[in-house]
Amino acid sequence: MQRRKKGRVPATKTRRPSTGRQAKGKPRNRPQAGTEEAVTLSYRPRTPEDDAYIVQLTEEQLGTVHQQAFREPFPRDQFLRYIQSGAPTFLIERNGKRIGYYSYLIGPDAKMHIGAMVVEPNYQSDGIGTKVMQKLEEDAQRAGVQVMEVFVQNSNERSMAFTRKLGFQEVFRIDENTVCFQKRVPPLPGTPGMAPPGQPPVPPQPIGWFG
């Protein structure tokens, strides 16, 4: 029988106190499949209290693009007049918080001109812009719209790529800076595909705010 050396205590494993640091190579707090937070988008008509938010967001996101394309500051007063002109404008809200907006006009030629669609930068990589455009297309179908149209500044590479990804095709250019994209809208079954009366026509040379 082997004798234990006197005074020697058997070694035991001790656990270091947790420091809250993530172990190298082991991801922590990663949600399992199907457990991601649900994204709930809602839309409501613009109110006068939203105007300052809309103008500020548009200038922050597209002011530089406008400056580069037209060599002039962002036209806050002109844009505010457009928003207040009666063009249908809706706030985009995620889980009750406004994160962007969109605005459009429907002309008598069954064409929807998307005057503006802007989403806050923190939400631009969540597929929200695509969902908003899908809703706009559904609304266009219900209104009997045959063509959706949007004007994008050529220097806004991100919006140019996004517009093409949605299936819009370039049809003409107003100048070297502004590109017109259009997309055919299939009519709903059983509808004649005519635009409802009463909407103002699209301005002859609209400036596109799309970001």
N, C-alpha and C. Protein backbone atom coordinates (compact mmCIF):
# COMPACT_ATOMS: atom_id res chain seq x y z
N MET A 1 0.86 -1.20 0.00
CA MET A 1 0.00 0.00 0.00
C MET A 1 0.88 1.24 0.00
N GLN A 2 0.53 2.16 -0.93
CA GLN A 2 1.32 3.39 -1.03
C GLN A 2 0.90 4.36 0.04
N ARG A 3 1.84 4.92 0.75
CA ARG A 3 1.55 5.85 1.82
C ARG A 3 1.52 7.28 1.28
N ARG A 4 0.50 8.07 1.71
CA ARG A 4 0.37 9.46 1.29
C ARG A 4 1.38 10.30 2.05
N LYS A 5 2.07 11.13 1.37
CA LYS A 5 3.05 11.98 2.03
C LYS A 5 2.36 12.88 3.03
N LYS A 6 2.95 13.01 4.15
CA LYS A 6 2.39 13.78 5.23
C LYS A 6 2.33 15.26 4.90
N GLY A 7 1.12 15.86 5.16
CA GLY A 7 0.96 17.30 4.99
C GLY A 7 0.56 17.73 3.58
N ARG A 8 0.46 16.76 2.69
CA ARG A 8 0.13 17.13 1.30
C ARG A 8 -1.37 16.97 1.07
N VAL A 9 -2.01 18.03 0.53
CA VAL A 9 -3.45 18.02 0.30
C VAL A 9 -3.71 17.68 -1.16
N PRO A 10 -4.62 16.76 -1.45
CA PRO A 10 -4.92 16.40 -2.84
C PRO A 10 -5.38 17.62 -3.62
N ALA A 11 -4.93 17.72 -4.86
CA ALA A 11 -5.28 18.87 -5.71
C ALA A 11 -6.73 18.79 -6.14
N THR A 12 -7.40 19.93 -6.14
CA THR A 12 -8.79 20.01 -6.61
C THR A 12 -8.89 21.14 -7.62
N LYS A 13 -9.82 20.98 -8.59
CA LYS A 13 -10.02 22.01 -9.60
C LYS A 13 -10.87 23.13 -9.04
N THR A 14 -10.45 24.34 -9.26
CA THR A 14 -11.22 25.51 -8.80
C THR A 14 -11.69 26.29 -10.02
N ARG A 15 -12.89 26.87 -9.95
CA ARG A 15 -13.45 27.66 -11.05
C ARG A 15 -13.19 29.14 -10.80
N ARG A 16 -12.63 29.77 -11.80
CA ARG A 16 -12.37 31.20 -11.68
C ARG A 16 -13.70 31.95 -11.69
N PRO A 17 -13.75 33.01 -10.90
CA PRO A 17 -14.99 33.80 -10.92
C PRO A 17 -15.23 34.39 -12.30
N SER A 18 -16.50 34.44 -12.67
CA SER A 18 -16.86 34.96 -13.99
C SER A 18 -16.58 36.45 -14.08
N THR A 19 -15.97 36.85 -15.20
CA THR A 19 -15.67 38.26 -15.42
C THR A 19 -16.61 38.88 -16.43
N GLY A 20 -17.53 38.07 -16.98
CA GLY A 20 -18.46 38.59 -17.98
C GLY A 20 -17.88 38.66 -19.37
N ARG A 21 -16.62 38.26 -19.55
CA ARG A 21 -16.00 38.30 -20.86
C ARG A 21 -16.35 37.04 -21.62
N GLN A 22 -16.47 37.19 -22.92
CA GLN A 22 -16.83 36.08 -23.77
C GLN A 22 -15.61 35.22 -24.05
N ALA A 23 -15.76 33.91 -23.91
CA ALA A 23 -14.66 33.00 -24.19
C ALA A 23 -14.31 33.06 -25.66
N LYS A 24 -13.04 33.03 -25.94
CA LYS A 24 -12.57 33.15 -27.31
C LYS A 24 -13.09 31.99 -28.14
N GLY A 25 -13.68 32.32 -29.28
CA GLY A 25 -14.14 31.29 -30.18
C GLY A 25 -15.49 30.72 -29.84
N LYS A 26 -16.13 31.17 -28.73
CA LYS A 26 -17.43 30.65 -28.34
C LYS A 26 -18.42 31.80 -28.32
N PRO A 27 -19.30 31.86 -29.31
CA PRO A 27 -20.27 32.96 -29.35
C PRO A 27 -21.22 32.89 -28.18
N ARG A 28 -21.61 34.07 -27.67
CA ARG A 28 -22.47 34.15 -26.51
C ARG A 28 -23.75 34.89 -26.87
N ASN A 29 -24.85 34.43 -26.31
CA ASN A 29 -26.14 35.07 -26.50
C ASN A 29 -26.57 35.11 -27.96
N ARG A 30 -26.24 34.13 -28.73
CA ARG A 30 -26.69 34.06 -30.12
C ARG A 30 -28.07 33.45 -30.15
N PRO A 31 -29.05 34.14 -30.75
CA PRO A 31 -30.40 33.59 -30.76
C PRO A 31 -30.48 32.34 -31.61
N GLN A 32 -31.26 31.38 -31.16
CA GLN A 32 -31.45 30.18 -31.93
C GLN A 32 -32.38 30.45 -33.10
N ALA A 33 -32.36 29.55 -34.07
CA ALA A 33 -33.18 29.73 -35.25
C ALA A 33 -34.65 29.85 -34.86
N GLY A 34 -35.30 30.84 -35.45
CA GLY A 34 -36.71 31.03 -35.19
C GLY A 34 -37.03 31.84 -33.96
N THR A 35 -35.98 32.35 -33.25
CA THR A 35 -36.22 33.10 -32.03
C THR A 35 -35.94 34.59 -32.20
N GLU A 36 -35.64 35.06 -33.44
CA GLU A 36 -35.35 36.46 -33.65
C GLU A 36 -36.59 37.30 -33.35
N GLU A 37 -36.34 38.54 -32.93
CA GLU A 37 -37.44 39.44 -32.62
C GLU A 37 -38.23 39.74 -33.89
N ALA A 38 -39.53 39.60 -33.81
CA ALA A 38 -40.39 39.83 -34.97
C ALA A 38 -40.40 41.31 -35.31
N VAL A 39 -40.32 41.60 -36.60
CA VAL A 39 -40.35 42.97 -37.08
C VAL A 39 -41.79 43.30 -37.45
N THR A 40 -42.37 44.25 -36.76
CA THR A 40 -43.74 44.66 -37.03
C THR A 40 -43.72 46.07 -37.60
N LEU A 41 -44.09 46.19 -38.87
CA LEU A 41 -44.16 47.49 -39.52
C LEU A 41 -45.60 47.93 -39.60
N SER A 42 -45.81 49.21 -39.37
CA SER A 42 -47.13 49.80 -39.52
C SER A 42 -46.97 51.12 -40.25
N TYR A 43 -48.07 51.59 -40.81
CA TYR A 43 -48.03 52.79 -41.63
C TYR A 43 -49.21 53.67 -41.23
N ARG A 44 -48.95 54.95 -41.13
CA ARG A 44 -50.02 55.89 -40.78
C ARG A 44 -49.84 57.17 -41.59
N PRO A 45 -50.93 57.87 -41.87
CA PRO A 45 -50.82 59.11 -42.63
C PRO A 45 -50.01 60.17 -41.88
N ARG A 46 -49.29 60.95 -42.63
CA ARG A 46 -48.52 62.06 -42.07
C ARG A 46 -49.44 63.07 -41.40
N THR A 47 -48.96 63.64 -40.30
CA THR A 47 -49.62 64.75 -39.63
C THR A 47 -48.66 65.94 -39.65
N PRO A 48 -49.16 67.16 -39.46
CA PRO A 48 -48.26 68.33 -39.44
C PRO A 48 -47.13 68.19 -38.42
N GLU A 49 -47.37 67.47 -37.34
CA GLU A 49 -46.33 67.29 -36.32
C GLU A 49 -45.16 66.45 -36.84
N ASP A 50 -45.36 65.73 -37.94
CA ASP A 50 -44.29 64.89 -38.51
C ASP A 50 -43.40 65.66 -39.48
N ASP A 51 -43.80 66.87 -39.88
CA ASP A 51 -43.09 67.55 -40.96
C ASP A 51 -41.63 67.81 -40.63
N ALA A 52 -41.34 68.26 -39.41
CA ALA A 52 -39.95 68.55 -39.04
C ALA A 52 -39.11 67.28 -39.10
N TYR A 53 -39.67 66.17 -38.64
CA TYR A 53 -38.95 64.89 -38.69
C TYR A 53 -38.68 64.48 -40.14
N ILE A 54 -39.68 64.62 -41.01
CA ILE A 54 -39.53 64.21 -42.40
C ILE A 54 -38.46 65.03 -43.10
N VAL A 55 -38.52 66.35 -42.93
CA VAL A 55 -37.54 67.22 -43.60
C VAL A 55 -36.14 66.96 -43.06
N GLN A 56 -36.00 66.82 -41.75
CA GLN A 56 -34.69 66.59 -41.16
C GLN A 56 -34.09 65.26 -41.62
N LEU A 57 -34.91 64.20 -41.62
CA LEU A 57 -34.42 62.89 -42.04
C LEU A 57 -34.00 62.92 -43.50
N THR A 58 -34.79 63.57 -44.34
CA THR A 58 -34.46 63.63 -45.77
C THR A 58 -33.17 64.40 -46.01
N GLU A 59 -33.01 65.51 -45.32
CA GLU A 59 -31.78 66.29 -45.49
C GLU A 59 -30.56 65.53 -44.99
N GLU A 60 -30.69 64.83 -43.87
CA GLU A 60 -29.57 64.06 -43.33
C GLU A 60 -29.15 62.94 -44.28
N GLN A 61 -30.11 62.27 -44.88
CA GLN A 61 -29.80 61.11 -45.71
C GLN A 61 -29.48 61.47 -47.16
N LEU A 62 -30.08 62.54 -47.67
CA LEU A 62 -29.94 62.83 -49.09
C LEU A 62 -29.42 64.23 -49.38
N GLY A 63 -29.12 65.00 -48.35
CA GLY A 63 -28.63 66.35 -48.57
C GLY A 63 -27.33 66.38 -49.36
N THR A 64 -26.40 65.50 -49.01
CA THR A 64 -25.12 65.46 -49.72
C THR A 64 -25.31 65.02 -51.16
N VAL A 65 -26.19 64.04 -51.38
CA VAL A 65 -26.48 63.58 -52.74
C VAL A 65 -27.05 64.72 -53.58
N HIS A 66 -27.96 65.49 -53.00
CA HIS A 66 -28.54 66.63 -53.72
C HIS A 66 -27.47 67.68 -54.02
N GLN A 67 -26.62 67.94 -53.07
CA GLN A 67 -25.55 68.94 -53.26
C GLN A 67 -24.63 68.52 -54.40
N GLN A 68 -24.28 67.25 -54.45
CA GLN A 68 -23.38 66.76 -55.50
C GLN A 68 -24.05 66.78 -56.87
N ALA A 69 -25.36 66.46 -56.89
CA ALA A 69 -26.05 66.35 -58.17
C ALA A 69 -26.41 67.71 -58.75
N PHE A 70 -26.84 68.66 -57.89
CA PHE A 70 -27.35 69.93 -58.40
C PHE A 70 -26.51 71.14 -57.99
N ARG A 71 -25.45 70.88 -57.20
CA ARG A 71 -24.53 71.95 -56.79
C ARG A 71 -25.25 73.08 -56.08
N GLU A 72 -26.17 72.69 -55.22
CA GLU A 72 -26.90 73.66 -54.41
C GLU A 72 -27.33 72.98 -53.13
N PRO A 73 -27.56 73.74 -52.06
CA PRO A 73 -27.98 73.13 -50.80
C PRO A 73 -29.33 72.43 -50.92
N PHE A 74 -29.58 71.53 -50.02
CA PHE A 74 -30.86 70.83 -50.00
C PHE A 74 -32.00 71.84 -49.86
N PRO A 75 -33.02 71.79 -50.74
CA PRO A 75 -34.09 72.81 -50.73
C PRO A 75 -35.15 72.49 -49.67
N ARG A 76 -34.88 72.84 -48.44
CA ARG A 76 -35.80 72.53 -47.34
C ARG A 76 -37.20 73.11 -47.57
N ASP A 77 -37.28 74.38 -47.98
CA ASP A 77 -38.57 75.02 -48.16
C ASP A 77 -39.36 74.38 -49.31
N GLN A 78 -38.67 74.09 -50.40
CA GLN A 78 -39.33 73.45 -51.54
C GLN A 78 -39.85 72.07 -51.16
N PHE A 79 -39.04 71.32 -50.43
CA PHE A 79 -39.45 69.98 -50.04
C PHE A 79 -40.60 70.03 -49.05
N LEU A 80 -40.57 70.98 -48.14
CA LEU A 80 -41.66 71.11 -47.17
C LEU A 80 -42.97 71.45 -47.89
N ARG A 81 -42.90 72.30 -48.90
CA ARG A 81 -44.10 72.63 -49.66
C ARG A 81 -44.66 71.40 -50.36
N TYR A 82 -43.75 70.56 -50.86
CA TYR A 82 -44.20 69.31 -51.50
C TYR A 82 -44.92 68.42 -50.49
N ILE A 83 -44.34 68.26 -49.31
CA ILE A 83 -44.94 67.41 -48.28
C ILE A 83 -46.32 67.95 -47.87
N GLN A 84 -46.44 69.26 -47.83
CA GLN A 84 -47.69 69.87 -47.39
C GLN A 84 -48.67 70.11 -48.54
N SER A 85 -48.34 69.68 -49.74
CA SER A 85 -49.19 69.95 -50.91
C SER A 85 -50.39 69.03 -51.00
N GLY A 86 -50.45 68.01 -50.16
CA GLY A 86 -51.55 67.06 -50.23
C GLY A 86 -51.18 65.74 -50.84
N ALA A 87 -49.93 65.59 -51.30
CA ALA A 87 -49.49 64.30 -51.82
C ALA A 87 -49.58 63.26 -50.71
N PRO A 88 -50.12 62.07 -50.98
CA PRO A 88 -50.21 61.03 -49.95
C PRO A 88 -48.83 60.73 -49.36
N THR A 89 -48.69 60.93 -48.06
CA THR A 89 -47.42 60.73 -47.36
C THR A 89 -47.70 59.93 -46.09
N PHE A 90 -46.91 58.87 -45.89
CA PHE A 90 -47.15 57.96 -44.78
C PHE A 90 -45.88 57.75 -43.97
N LEU A 91 -46.03 57.72 -42.66
CA LEU A 91 -44.91 57.41 -41.77
C LEU A 91 -44.78 55.90 -41.65
N ILE A 92 -43.54 55.43 -41.64
CA ILE A 92 -43.24 54.02 -41.42
C ILE A 92 -42.85 53.85 -39.96
N GLU A 93 -43.50 52.95 -39.27
CA GLU A 93 -43.21 52.73 -37.86
C GLU A 93 -42.86 51.26 -37.64
N ARG A 94 -41.86 51.06 -36.80
CA ARG A 94 -41.46 49.70 -36.41
C ARG A 94 -41.70 49.54 -34.92
N ASN A 95 -42.60 48.63 -34.59
CA ASN A 95 -42.96 48.40 -33.19
C ASN A 95 -43.33 49.70 -32.49
N GLY A 96 -44.05 50.57 -33.22
CA GLY A 96 -44.55 51.81 -32.63
C GLY A 96 -43.61 53.00 -32.74
N LYS A 97 -42.39 52.82 -33.28
CA LYS A 97 -41.43 53.92 -33.41
C LYS A 97 -41.28 54.29 -34.87
N ARG A 98 -41.39 55.58 -35.18
CA ARG A 98 -41.25 55.99 -36.57
C ARG A 98 -39.80 55.88 -37.01
N ILE A 99 -39.61 55.28 -38.18
CA ILE A 99 -38.26 55.03 -38.68
C ILE A 99 -38.09 55.52 -40.11
N GLY A 100 -39.11 56.13 -40.68
CA GLY A 100 -39.00 56.61 -42.04
C GLY A 100 -40.36 57.02 -42.57
N TYR A 101 -40.41 57.23 -43.88
CA TYR A 101 -41.67 57.66 -44.50
C TYR A 101 -41.59 57.41 -46.00
N TYR A 102 -42.74 57.51 -46.65
CA TYR A 102 -42.76 57.51 -48.12
C TYR A 102 -43.89 58.40 -48.59
N SER A 103 -43.78 58.88 -49.84
CA SER A 103 -44.76 59.78 -50.42
C SER A 103 -44.88 59.48 -51.91
N TYR A 104 -46.07 59.68 -52.46
CA TYR A 104 -46.27 59.38 -53.87
C TYR A 104 -47.39 60.23 -54.45
N LEU A 105 -47.48 60.21 -55.78
CA LEU A 105 -48.58 60.83 -56.52
C LEU A 105 -49.05 59.84 -57.57
N ILE A 106 -50.34 59.82 -57.84
CA ILE A 106 -50.89 58.98 -58.90
C ILE A 106 -51.50 59.90 -59.94
N GLY A 107 -51.00 59.81 -61.17
CA GLY A 107 -51.50 60.65 -62.25
C GLY A 107 -52.66 60.02 -62.99
N PRO A 108 -53.31 60.77 -63.86
CA PRO A 108 -54.45 60.25 -64.62
C PRO A 108 -54.06 59.19 -65.64
N ASP A 109 -52.76 59.01 -65.87
CA ASP A 109 -52.30 58.01 -66.83
C ASP A 109 -52.01 56.68 -66.16
N ALA A 110 -52.57 56.45 -64.96
CA ALA A 110 -52.39 55.19 -64.23
C ALA A 110 -50.93 54.96 -63.88
N LYS A 111 -50.23 56.04 -63.57
CA LYS A 111 -48.81 55.95 -63.19
C LYS A 111 -48.63 56.49 -61.77
N MET A 112 -47.94 55.72 -60.94
CA MET A 112 -47.60 56.16 -59.58
C MET A 112 -46.16 56.67 -59.57
N HIS A 113 -46.01 57.94 -59.24
CA HIS A 113 -44.67 58.50 -59.08
C HIS A 113 -44.33 58.51 -57.61
N ILE A 114 -43.28 57.77 -57.24
CA ILE A 114 -42.83 57.72 -55.84
C ILE A 114 -41.93 58.93 -55.63
N GLY A 115 -42.47 59.94 -54.96
CA GLY A 115 -41.73 61.18 -54.77
C GLY A 115 -40.63 61.05 -53.73
N ALA A 116 -40.83 60.20 -52.73
CA ALA A 116 -39.84 60.06 -51.67
C ALA A 116 -40.06 58.75 -50.93
N MET A 117 -38.96 58.14 -50.54
CA MET A 117 -38.99 56.97 -49.66
C MET A 117 -37.66 56.94 -48.92
N VAL A 118 -37.69 57.26 -47.62
CA VAL A 118 -36.47 57.38 -46.84
C VAL A 118 -36.64 56.59 -45.54
N VAL A 119 -35.63 55.80 -45.21
CA VAL A 119 -35.61 55.01 -43.98
C VAL A 119 -34.37 55.39 -43.18
N GLU A 120 -34.51 55.46 -41.87
CA GLU A 120 -33.37 55.80 -41.02
C GLU A 120 -32.22 54.80 -41.25
N PRO A 121 -30.97 55.28 -41.17
CA PRO A 121 -29.82 54.42 -41.50
C PRO A 121 -29.72 53.18 -40.64
N ASN A 122 -30.12 53.22 -39.39
CA ASN A 122 -30.02 52.06 -38.52
C ASN A 122 -30.92 50.91 -38.95
N TYR A 123 -31.87 51.18 -39.85
CA TYR A 123 -32.82 50.16 -40.26
C TYR A 123 -32.71 49.83 -41.75
N GLN A 124 -31.70 50.36 -42.42
CA GLN A 124 -31.61 50.17 -43.86
C GLN A 124 -31.07 48.80 -44.24
N SER A 125 -30.55 48.05 -43.31
CA SER A 125 -30.01 46.72 -43.61
C SER A 125 -30.91 45.61 -43.09
N ASP A 126 -32.12 45.95 -42.68
CA ASP A 126 -33.04 44.95 -42.13
C ASP A 126 -34.09 44.50 -43.13
N GLY A 127 -33.93 44.87 -44.39
CA GLY A 127 -34.92 44.51 -45.39
C GLY A 127 -36.19 45.33 -45.31
N ILE A 128 -36.16 46.42 -44.52
CA ILE A 128 -37.37 47.21 -44.33
C ILE A 128 -37.72 47.97 -45.61
N GLY A 129 -36.72 48.50 -46.30
CA GLY A 129 -36.99 49.21 -47.54
C GLY A 129 -37.70 48.31 -48.55
N THR A 130 -37.28 47.05 -48.64
CA THR A 130 -37.92 46.12 -49.56
C THR A 130 -39.37 45.87 -49.16
N LYS A 131 -39.62 45.72 -47.86
CA LYS A 131 -41.00 45.49 -47.39
C LYS A 131 -41.88 46.70 -47.67
N VAL A 132 -41.32 47.90 -47.50
CA VAL A 132 -42.10 49.10 -47.78
C VAL A 132 -42.46 49.18 -49.26
N MET A 133 -41.51 48.87 -50.12
CA MET A 133 -41.77 48.91 -51.55
C MET A 133 -42.77 47.84 -51.96
N GLN A 134 -42.74 46.69 -51.30
CA GLN A 134 -43.74 45.65 -51.58
C GLN A 134 -45.14 46.14 -51.22
N LYS A 135 -45.24 46.87 -50.09
CA LYS A 135 -46.54 47.42 -49.72
C LYS A 135 -46.99 48.48 -50.72
N LEU A 136 -46.06 49.32 -51.16
CA LEU A 136 -46.40 50.33 -52.15
C LEU A 136 -46.91 49.69 -53.44
N GLU A 137 -46.29 48.60 -53.84
CA GLU A 137 -46.72 47.92 -55.05
C GLU A 137 -48.11 47.32 -54.87
N GLU A 138 -48.40 46.77 -53.68
CA GLU A 138 -49.74 46.25 -53.41
C GLU A 138 -50.77 47.37 -53.43
N ASP A 139 -50.41 48.52 -52.84
CA ASP A 139 -51.32 49.67 -52.87
C ASP A 139 -51.54 50.14 -54.32
N ALA A 140 -50.48 50.11 -55.11
CA ALA A 140 -50.59 50.51 -56.51
C ALA A 140 -51.53 49.57 -57.26
N GLN A 141 -51.44 48.30 -56.99
CA GLN A 141 -52.34 47.34 -57.64
C GLN A 141 -53.80 47.64 -57.29
N ARG A 142 -54.05 47.88 -56.01
CA ARG A 142 -55.43 48.15 -55.58
C ARG A 142 -55.96 49.45 -56.18
N ALA A 143 -55.06 50.40 -56.46
CA ALA A 143 -55.47 51.67 -57.04
C ALA A 143 -55.58 51.62 -58.56
N GLY A 144 -55.27 50.47 -59.15
CA GLY A 144 -55.34 50.35 -60.59
C GLY A 144 -54.15 50.93 -61.32
N VAL A 145 -53.03 51.13 -60.61
CA VAL A 145 -51.83 51.69 -61.23
C VAL A 145 -51.20 50.66 -62.16
N GLN A 146 -50.74 51.13 -63.31
CA GLN A 146 -50.10 50.25 -64.28
C GLN A 146 -48.58 50.35 -64.26
N VAL A 147 -48.06 51.51 -63.86
CA VAL A 147 -46.61 51.73 -63.87
C VAL A 147 -46.22 52.47 -62.60
N MET A 148 -45.16 51.99 -61.95
CA MET A 148 -44.54 52.71 -60.84
C MET A 148 -43.29 53.39 -61.36
N GLU A 149 -43.05 54.61 -60.89
CA GLU A 149 -41.94 55.41 -61.41
C GLU A 149 -41.21 56.08 -60.25
N VAL A 150 -39.90 56.15 -60.37
CA VAL A 150 -39.10 56.82 -59.36
C VAL A 150 -37.90 57.47 -60.03
N PHE A 151 -37.51 58.64 -59.53
CA PHE A 151 -36.34 59.35 -60.03
C PHE A 151 -35.24 59.25 -58.98
N VAL A 152 -34.06 58.84 -59.42
CA VAL A 152 -32.92 58.64 -58.52
C VAL A 152 -31.72 59.40 -59.06
N GLN A 153 -31.01 60.07 -58.17
CA GLN A 153 -29.80 60.76 -58.59
C GLN A 153 -28.70 59.75 -58.91
N ASN A 154 -28.02 59.99 -60.00
CA ASN A 154 -27.01 59.06 -60.48
C ASN A 154 -25.88 58.85 -59.48
N SER A 155 -25.59 59.86 -58.67
CA SER A 155 -24.50 59.75 -57.69
C SER A 155 -24.90 58.93 -56.46
N ASN A 156 -26.20 58.64 -56.31
CA ASN A 156 -26.67 57.86 -55.17
C ASN A 156 -26.58 56.37 -55.53
N GLU A 157 -25.37 55.83 -55.46
CA GLU A 157 -25.13 54.47 -55.93
C GLU A 157 -25.95 53.43 -55.16
N ARG A 158 -26.11 53.64 -53.88
CA ARG A 158 -26.87 52.67 -53.08
C ARG A 158 -28.33 52.61 -53.52
N SER A 159 -28.94 53.77 -53.73
CA SER A 159 -30.33 53.79 -54.17
C SER A 159 -30.47 53.28 -55.59
N MET A 160 -29.49 53.56 -56.44
CA MET A 160 -29.52 53.04 -57.80
C MET A 160 -29.54 51.51 -57.79
N ALA A 161 -28.67 50.92 -56.98
CA ALA A 161 -28.62 49.46 -56.90
C ALA A 161 -29.89 48.89 -56.29
N PHE A 162 -30.41 49.55 -55.26
CA PHE A 162 -31.63 49.09 -54.60
C PHE A 162 -32.81 49.13 -55.56
N THR A 163 -32.90 50.19 -56.36
CA THR A 163 -34.01 50.33 -57.31
C THR A 163 -33.96 49.22 -58.35
N ARG A 164 -32.79 48.94 -58.87
CA ARG A 164 -32.66 47.87 -59.86
C ARG A 164 -32.98 46.50 -59.24
N LYS A 165 -32.58 46.31 -57.99
CA LYS A 165 -32.85 45.05 -57.31
C LYS A 165 -34.35 44.79 -57.19
N LEU A 166 -35.13 45.86 -57.08
CA LEU A 166 -36.58 45.72 -56.95
C LEU A 166 -37.27 45.44 -58.27
N GLY A 167 -36.52 45.43 -59.35
CA GLY A 167 -37.10 45.13 -60.66
C GLY A 167 -37.41 46.35 -61.50
N PHE A 168 -37.02 47.54 -61.05
CA PHE A 168 -37.21 48.74 -61.85
C PHE A 168 -36.16 48.79 -62.97
N GLN A 169 -36.55 49.35 -64.11
CA GLN A 169 -35.65 49.47 -65.25
C GLN A 169 -35.50 50.93 -65.64
N GLU A 170 -34.28 51.30 -66.02
CA GLU A 170 -34.03 52.67 -66.46
C GLU A 170 -34.72 52.91 -67.80
N VAL A 171 -35.46 54.02 -67.88
CA VAL A 171 -36.17 54.33 -69.13
C VAL A 171 -35.66 55.61 -69.78
N PHE A 172 -35.24 56.59 -69.00
CA PHE A 172 -34.65 57.79 -69.59
C PHE A 172 -33.95 58.59 -68.49
N ARG A 173 -33.22 59.61 -68.92
CA ARG A 173 -32.52 60.52 -68.00
C ARG A 173 -32.94 61.95 -68.31
N ILE A 174 -33.25 62.69 -67.25
CA ILE A 174 -33.59 64.09 -67.42
C ILE A 174 -32.33 64.89 -67.75
N ASP A 175 -31.25 64.56 -67.07
CA ASP A 175 -29.95 65.16 -67.34
C ASP A 175 -28.92 64.13 -66.91
N GLU A 176 -27.68 64.55 -66.79
CA GLU A 176 -26.64 63.60 -66.42
C GLU A 176 -26.74 63.15 -64.98
N ASN A 177 -27.59 63.81 -64.18
CA ASN A 177 -27.66 63.50 -62.76
C ASN A 177 -28.90 62.70 -62.35
N THR A 178 -29.98 62.79 -63.09
CA THR A 178 -31.26 62.22 -62.66
C THR A 178 -31.70 61.12 -63.61
N VAL A 179 -31.96 59.93 -63.03
CA VAL A 179 -32.35 58.76 -63.80
C VAL A 179 -33.79 58.41 -63.46
N CYS A 180 -34.59 58.15 -64.48
CA CYS A 180 -35.97 57.73 -64.29
C CYS A 180 -36.04 56.20 -64.42
N PHE A 181 -36.58 55.57 -63.38
CA PHE A 181 -36.81 54.12 -63.40
C PHE A 181 -38.31 53.87 -63.40
N GLN A 182 -38.71 52.82 -64.08
CA GLN A 182 -40.11 52.42 -64.09
C GLN A 182 -40.24 50.91 -63.92
N LYS A 183 -41.41 50.51 -63.42
CA LYS A 183 -41.71 49.10 -63.24
C LYS A 183 -43.18 48.87 -63.55
N ARG A 184 -43.46 47.87 -64.38
CA ARG A 184 -44.84 47.54 -64.70
C ARG A 184 -45.49 46.86 -63.50
N VAL A 185 -46.74 47.23 -63.26
CA VAL A 185 -47.50 46.67 -62.14
C VAL A 185 -48.61 45.78 -62.70
N PRO A 186 -48.57 44.48 -62.44
CA PRO A 186 -49.65 43.62 -62.95
C PRO A 186 -50.97 43.93 -62.26
N PRO A 187 -52.06 44.02 -63.01
CA PRO A 187 -53.35 44.34 -62.39
C PRO A 187 -53.86 43.18 -61.55
N LEU A 188 -54.68 43.50 -60.58
CA LEU A 188 -55.34 42.46 -59.80
C LEU A 188 -56.36 41.76 -60.68
N PRO A 189 -56.59 40.49 -60.44
CA PRO A 189 -57.58 39.77 -61.25
C PRO A 189 -58.95 40.44 -61.19
N GLY A 190 -59.54 40.64 -62.36
CA GLY A 190 -60.88 41.20 -62.41
C GLY A 190 -60.95 42.71 -62.35
N THR A 191 -59.78 43.40 -62.38
CA THR A 191 -59.78 44.86 -62.35
C THR A 191 -59.38 45.39 -63.71
N PRO A 192 -59.92 46.55 -64.13
CA PRO A 192 -59.60 47.09 -65.45
C PRO A 192 -58.25 47.75 -65.54
N GLY A 193 -57.62 48.04 -64.37
CA GLY A 193 -56.29 48.65 -64.40
C GLY A 193 -56.31 50.13 -64.68
N MET A 194 -57.33 50.85 -64.19
CA MET A 194 -57.42 52.29 -64.38
C MET A 194 -57.18 53.01 -63.06
N ALA A 195 -56.52 54.14 -63.11
CA ALA A 195 -56.23 54.90 -61.91
C ALA A 195 -57.48 55.63 -61.44
N PRO A 196 -57.67 55.77 -60.13
CA PRO A 196 -58.84 56.48 -59.62
C PRO A 196 -58.73 57.97 -59.93
N PRO A 197 -59.86 58.65 -60.14
CA PRO A 197 -59.80 60.09 -60.44
C PRO A 197 -59.49 60.89 -59.19
N GLY A 198 -59.11 62.15 -59.42
CA GLY A 198 -58.95 63.07 -58.31
C GLY A 198 -57.53 63.26 -57.83
N GLN A 199 -56.56 62.44 -58.30
CA GLN A 199 -55.18 62.61 -57.88
C GLN A 199 -54.51 63.66 -58.76
N PRO A 200 -53.66 64.51 -58.19
CA PRO A 200 -52.98 65.52 -59.01
C PRO A 200 -51.95 64.88 -59.92
N PRO A 201 -51.68 65.45 -61.09
CA PRO A 201 -50.69 64.89 -61.99
C PRO A 201 -49.28 65.06 -61.45
N VAL A 202 -48.37 64.25 -61.96
CA VAL A 202 -46.97 64.34 -61.57
C VAL A 202 -46.36 65.59 -62.17
N PRO A 203 -45.55 66.34 -61.43
CA PRO A 203 -44.87 67.51 -61.99
C PRO A 203 -44.05 67.11 -63.22
N PRO A 204 -43.88 68.01 -64.21
CA PRO A 204 -43.19 67.65 -65.45
C PRO A 204 -41.74 67.27 -65.24
N GLN A 205 -41.05 67.86 -64.27
CA GLN A 205 -39.66 67.50 -64.00
C GLN A 205 -39.47 67.32 -62.50
N PRO A 206 -39.96 66.20 -61.96
CA PRO A 206 -39.86 65.99 -60.52
C PRO A 206 -38.44 65.70 -60.10
N ILE A 207 -38.13 66.11 -58.89
CA ILE A 207 -36.84 65.78 -58.29
C ILE A 207 -37.05 64.61 -57.36
N GLY A 208 -36.29 63.55 -57.53
CA GLY A 208 -36.52 62.34 -56.76
C GLY A 208 -35.76 62.36 -55.43
N TRP A 209 -36.47 62.04 -54.37
CA TRP A 209 -35.84 61.82 -53.06
C TRP A 209 -36.07 60.38 -52.72
N PHE A 210 -35.01 59.59 -52.80
CA PHE A 210 -35.16 58.15 -52.65
C PHE A 210 -33.93 57.63 -51.95
N GLY A 211 -34.08 57.17 -50.69
CA GLY A 211 -32.90 56.70 -49.98
C GLY A 211 -33.26 55.80 -48.84
